[in-house]
């Protein structure tokens, strides 16, 4: 036997049973009124399994299946189930719509926040660029102020403070280190600590003449700190000034200690020669 189950939303199921048609000729169709009269009481009573074998081989004249007609009878006797089902469907639709709108709102807020973050970052970069430009102007003004105090004959025209790149910084330090190493051979009182340069700067530069001034700090062998300025004219070494040279720009090897030692030697020589001549 074939069982047909009709299920309503949240309610009972109806089981339909029928025998396959074995008649050799087609039976007349079944009016809905006759079908309803046969099964209305069972549907109204809430019976779940309804046997329709009495109408085996016949079909409803409306063309509906027995299951569909039984469901329609169910809705007639229990209309609140239809309303409940429609309410549940409306609630589900409203929930889905609310979740979709909430998701879209979150996506919109996230996109707005990302836009504001990008805008803030762009403003920050602009502010940093302006600050760096202002710092460069201040550095150039400070360089002009310092270099304006240089003695006559020193670099004065088209001077500005240059921020060296790492590779340029290393080149500057190598150049100054070589100069100090050469000059340190004439030192009598102090000893240079090779490779101890720091705070090396291109203090001044004249593009028209390729004259420039390099400043650097260094350490002696006892780790005390000194500074030196090396001046180039036409890209050639001109002179250097140490912190203890009274701002005298001199040649390599003409150190203060060497000059003092030479002056002392001359004094001793003259004293010896003078004493012999006096005899």
Protein backbone atom coordinates (compact mmCIF):
# COMPACT_ATOMS: atom_id res chain seq x y z
CA UNK A 1 0.00 0.00 0.00
CA UNK A 2 1.24 3.55 -0.79
CA UNK A 3 1.21 6.00 2.16
CA UNK A 4 0.89 9.74 1.44
CA UNK A 5 1.76 12.07 4.36
CA UNK A 6 0.39 15.62 4.44
CA UNK A 7 2.21 17.90 6.92
CA UNK A 8 1.05 21.32 8.06
CA UNK A 9 3.42 23.89 9.69
CA UNK A 10 3.75 23.00 13.39
CA UNK A 11 0.72 20.69 13.38
CA UNK A 12 -0.38 17.13 12.67
CA UNK A 13 0.40 15.03 9.62
CA UNK A 14 -2.17 13.23 7.64
CA UNK A 15 -1.42 9.79 6.31
CA UNK A 16 -3.22 8.80 3.19
CA UNK A 17 -3.42 5.20 2.09
CA UNK A 18 -4.80 3.94 -1.20
CA UNK A 19 -4.71 0.80 -3.28
CA UNK A 20 -3.42 1.06 -6.86
CA UNK A 21 -6.15 1.00 -9.45
CA UNK A 22 -6.68 -2.49 -10.85
CA UNK A 23 -9.83 -1.85 -12.80
CA UNK A 24 -9.62 -2.40 -16.50
CA UNK A 25 -11.61 0.74 -17.24
CA UNK A 26 -11.29 4.28 -15.83
CA UNK A 27 -13.57 5.14 -12.88
CA UNK A 28 -15.60 8.36 -12.95
CA UNK A 29 -13.99 11.39 -11.26
CA UNK A 30 -14.74 12.19 -7.65
CA UNK A 31 -16.49 15.49 -6.85
CA UNK A 32 -14.88 17.48 -4.03
CA UNK A 33 -18.23 17.61 -2.19
CA UNK A 34 -18.34 13.81 -2.00
CA UNK A 35 -14.67 13.67 -0.94
CA UNK A 36 -15.22 16.33 1.74
CA UNK A 37 -18.31 14.54 3.08
CA UNK A 38 -16.27 11.35 3.43
CA UNK A 39 -13.31 12.84 5.32
CA UNK A 40 -14.40 16.13 6.94
CA UNK A 41 -15.21 14.53 10.28
CA UNK A 42 -11.84 12.79 10.45
CA UNK A 43 -9.97 16.00 9.58
CA UNK A 44 -11.98 18.08 12.05
CA UNK A 45 -11.31 15.55 14.82
CA UNK A 46 -7.58 15.88 14.29
CA UNK A 47 -7.06 12.34 13.06
CA UNK A 48 -3.57 12.00 11.62
CA UNK A 49 -3.90 8.86 9.45
CA UNK A 50 -6.73 8.99 6.95
CA UNK A 51 -7.40 5.94 4.73
CA UNK A 52 -8.78 6.78 1.27
CA UNK A 53 -8.92 3.22 -0.09
CA UNK A 54 -12.65 3.51 -0.67
CA UNK A 55 -11.88 5.83 -3.60
CA UNK A 56 -9.19 3.66 -5.11
CA UNK A 57 -8.63 4.29 -8.79
CA UNK A 58 -10.56 7.55 -8.77
CA UNK A 59 -9.31 11.15 -8.99
CA UNK A 60 -10.85 14.42 -7.90
CA UNK A 61 -12.74 16.16 -10.65
CA UNK A 62 -10.85 19.39 -9.73
CA UNK A 63 -7.57 17.73 -10.66
CA UNK A 64 -6.18 18.16 -7.14
CA UNK A 65 -4.49 15.32 -5.34
CA UNK A 66 -6.12 13.84 -2.23
CA UNK A 67 -3.26 15.26 -0.10
CA UNK A 68 -3.80 18.79 -1.36
CA UNK A 69 -7.54 18.63 -0.74
CA UNK A 70 -7.05 17.25 2.76
CA UNK A 71 -4.65 20.13 3.49
CA UNK A 72 -7.26 22.62 2.30
CA UNK A 73 -9.82 20.99 4.63
CA UNK A 74 -7.28 21.26 7.44
CA UNK A 75 -6.91 25.01 6.81
CA UNK A 76 -10.69 25.44 6.85
CA UNK A 77 -11.08 23.71 10.22
CA UNK A 78 -7.88 25.17 11.80
CA UNK A 79 -7.43 28.67 10.26
CA UNK A 80 -5.23 29.82 13.16
CA UNK A 81 -2.53 27.42 11.99
CA UNK A 82 -2.37 29.32 8.71
CA UNK A 83 -2.08 32.61 10.58
CA UNK A 84 0.60 31.13 12.84
CA UNK A 85 2.54 29.85 9.87
CA UNK A 86 2.30 33.22 8.13
CA UNK A 87 3.38 34.99 11.33
CA UNK A 88 6.39 32.67 11.67
CA UNK A 89 7.32 33.33 8.07
CA UNK A 90 6.99 37.08 8.59
CA UNK A 91 9.18 36.86 11.70
CA UNK A 92 11.83 34.94 9.83
CA UNK A 93 11.74 37.45 6.98
CA UNK A 94 11.98 40.37 9.43
CA UNK A 95 14.91 38.71 11.23
CA UNK A 96 16.71 38.07 7.96
CA UNK A 97 16.10 41.66 6.88
CA UNK A 98 17.33 43.03 10.23
CA UNK A 99 20.48 40.90 10.09
CA UNK A 100 21.13 41.98 6.51
CA UNK A 101 20.65 45.66 7.37
CA UNK A 102 22.89 45.32 10.44
CA UNK A 103 25.61 43.71 8.34
CA UNK A 104 25.34 46.44 5.71
CA UNK A 105 25.49 49.10 8.43
CA UNK A 106 28.62 47.52 9.94
CA UNK A 107 30.25 47.38 6.51
CA UNK A 108 29.37 51.04 5.92
CA UNK A 109 30.80 52.08 9.30
CA UNK A 110 33.97 50.07 8.65
CA UNK A 111 34.41 51.67 5.23
CA UNK A 112 33.89 55.12 6.75
CA UNK A 113 36.40 54.39 9.52
CA UNK A 114 38.98 53.18 6.99
CA UNK A 115 38.42 56.33 4.91
CA UNK A 116 38.87 58.55 7.99
CA UNK A 117 42.01 56.62 8.94
CA UNK A 118 43.47 57.08 5.45
CA UNK A 119 42.59 60.77 5.57
CA UNK A 120 44.21 61.16 9.00
CA UNK A 121 47.35 59.39 7.81
CA UNK A 122 47.55 61.66 4.76
CA UNK A 123 47.18 64.72 7.00
CA UNK A 124 49.87 63.36 9.33
CA UNK A 125 52.27 62.80 6.43
CA UNK A 126 51.62 66.33 5.20
CA UNK A 127 52.26 67.73 8.67
CA UNK A 128 55.47 65.71 8.97
CA UNK A 129 56.67 66.95 5.58
CA UNK A 130 55.96 70.54 6.60
CA UNK A 131 57.73 70.01 9.92
CA UNK A 132 60.76 68.56 8.15
CA UNK A 133 60.81 71.48 5.73
CA UNK A 134 60.61 73.92 8.64
CA UNK A 135 63.42 72.08 10.40
CA UNK A 136 65.56 72.30 7.26
CA UNK A 137 64.92 76.05 7.03
CA UNK A 138 65.83 76.43 10.68
CA UNK A 139 69.02 74.42 10.17
CA UNK A 140 70.01 76.56 7.21
CA UNK A 141 69.34 79.73 9.21
CA UNK A 142 71.43 78.36 12.09
CA UNK A 143 74.24 77.54 9.68
CA UNK A 144 74.12 81.04 8.24
CA UNK A 145 74.25 82.48 11.75
CA UNK A 146 77.25 80.38 12.74
CA UNK A 147 79.12 80.89 9.49
CA UNK A 148 78.54 84.63 9.52
CA UNK A 149 80.81 84.71 12.56
CA UNK A 150 83.73 83.12 10.69
CA UNK A 151 86.90 85.20 10.36
CA UNK A 152 87.53 87.04 7.06
CA UNK A 153 88.60 84.81 4.22
CA UNK A 154 86.60 81.82 5.44
CA UNK A 155 83.62 80.45 3.55
CA UNK A 156 80.76 82.91 3.59
CA UNK A 157 78.87 82.91 0.29
CA UNK A 158 76.00 80.52 -0.60
CA UNK A 159 76.42 78.55 2.61
CA UNK A 160 73.85 76.19 4.02
CA UNK A 161 73.68 73.23 6.39
CA UNK A 162 73.42 69.95 4.46
CA UNK A 163 71.99 66.73 5.91
CA UNK A 164 74.24 64.01 4.55
CA UNK A 165 72.86 60.65 3.46
CA UNK A 166 74.35 57.50 5.11
CA UNK A 167 76.74 56.84 2.21
CA UNK A 168 77.81 60.51 2.13
CA UNK A 169 78.18 60.48 5.92
CA UNK A 170 80.61 57.54 5.70
CA UNK A 171 82.60 59.32 2.97
CA UNK A 172 82.83 62.47 5.10
CA UNK A 173 84.03 60.48 8.10
CA UNK A 174 86.68 58.67 6.05
CA UNK A 175 88.00 61.98 4.70
CA UNK A 176 88.18 63.59 8.14
CA UNK A 177 89.68 60.46 9.71
CA UNK A 178 92.51 60.48 7.16
CA UNK A 179 93.22 64.15 7.85
CA UNK A 180 93.29 63.65 11.63
CA UNK A 181 95.49 60.53 11.34
CA UNK A 182 98.00 62.50 9.26
CA UNK A 183 97.97 65.47 11.60
CA UNK A 184 98.13 63.30 14.75
CA UNK A 185 101.69 62.31 13.86
CA UNK A 186 102.73 65.81 14.92
CA UNK A 187 100.93 65.67 18.27
CA UNK A 188 103.08 65.53 21.38
CA UNK A 189 100.53 65.92 24.14
CA UNK A 190 97.55 63.87 22.95
CA UNK A 191 96.89 60.67 21.02
CA UNK A 192 94.09 60.27 18.47
CA UNK A 193 91.78 57.26 18.70
CA UNK A 194 91.40 56.14 15.05
CA UNK A 195 87.84 55.60 13.79
CA UNK A 196 86.27 57.42 16.76
CA UNK A 197 84.53 60.13 14.70
CA UNK A 198 80.91 61.00 15.41
CA UNK A 199 78.49 63.85 14.70
CA UNK A 200 80.19 64.46 11.35
CA UNK A 201 78.42 67.18 9.35
CA UNK A 202 78.81 69.04 6.08
CA UNK A 203 78.54 72.45 7.68
CA UNK A 204 78.92 74.66 4.61
CA UNK A 205 78.99 74.34 0.85
CA UNK A 206 79.45 76.78 -2.03
CA UNK A 207 78.26 75.16 -5.27
CA UNK A 208 79.77 77.83 -7.50
CA UNK A 209 83.32 77.29 -6.22
CA UNK A 210 83.00 73.77 -4.77
CA UNK A 211 84.26 75.04 -1.44
CA UNK A 212 82.98 73.28 1.64
CA UNK A 213 83.53 72.92 5.37
CA UNK A 214 83.30 69.63 7.31
CA UNK A 215 82.78 69.48 11.07
CA UNK A 216 83.30 66.37 13.20
CA UNK A 217 83.80 65.32 16.79
CA UNK A 218 86.34 62.66 17.73
CA UNK A 219 87.89 60.98 20.76
CA UNK A 220 91.38 60.91 22.07
CA UNK A 221 92.94 57.68 23.32
CA UNK A 222 91.72 58.52 26.85
CA UNK A 223 88.14 58.85 25.44
CA UNK A 224 88.04 62.60 25.99
CA UNK A 225 86.23 64.45 23.18
CA UNK A 226 87.49 67.08 20.76
CA UNK A 227 86.29 68.58 17.51
CA UNK A 228 87.82 69.61 14.20
CA UNK A 229 86.77 71.62 11.13
CA UNK A 230 88.31 70.73 7.76
CA UNK A 231 88.06 73.29 4.97
CA UNK A 232 88.29 72.48 1.26
CA UNK A 233 88.67 75.01 -1.56
CA UNK A 234 88.01 73.92 -5.11
CA UNK A 235 87.50 70.39 -3.76
CA UNK A 236 91.09 70.42 -2.42
CA UNK A 237 92.19 70.40 1.18
CA UNK A 238 93.00 73.91 2.44
CA UNK A 239 93.40 73.81 6.22
CA UNK A 240 91.98 72.46 9.46
CA UNK A 241 91.00 73.91 12.82
CA UNK A 242 90.98 71.99 16.11
CA UNK A 243 89.04 72.94 19.21
CA UNK A 244 92.28 73.87 21.00
CA UNK A 245 93.86 75.86 18.12
CA UNK A 246 92.22 79.20 18.98
CA UNK A 247 90.20 79.05 15.75
CA UNK A 248 93.38 79.05 13.67
CA UNK A 249 92.98 77.28 10.34
CA UNK A 250 96.34 75.61 9.76
CA UNK A 251 98.08 73.00 7.63
CA UNK A 252 98.44 69.32 8.46
CA UNK A 253 101.38 68.68 10.80
CA UNK A 254 101.49 72.24 12.11
CA UNK A 255 99.97 71.31 15.45
CA UNK A 256 100.05 73.50 18.52
CA UNK A 257 102.18 70.96 20.40
CA UNK A 258 104.68 70.81 17.55
CA UNK A 259 104.89 74.60 17.38
CA UNK A 260 105.41 74.81 21.13
CA UNK A 261 108.04 72.06 20.99
CA UNK A 262 109.84 73.87 18.14
CA UNK A 263 109.71 77.17 20.01
CA UNK A 264 111.15 75.45 23.08
CA UNK A 265 113.93 73.88 21.02
CA UNK A 266 114.80 77.27 19.52
CA UNK A 267 114.95 78.79 22.99
CA UNK A 268 117.29 76.05 24.23
CA UNK A 269 119.44 76.35 21.08
CA UNK A 270 119.76 80.11 21.45
CA UNK A 271 120.58 79.71 25.12
CA UNK A 272 123.35 77.19 24.39
CA UNK A 273 124.74 79.20 21.48
CA UNK A 274 124.53 82.42 23.44
CA UNK A 275 126.38 80.97 26.41
CA UNK A 276 129.19 79.74 24.17
CA UNK A 277 129.49 83.06 22.39
CA UNK A 278 129.70 84.83 25.71
CA UNK A 279 132.82 82.92 26.73
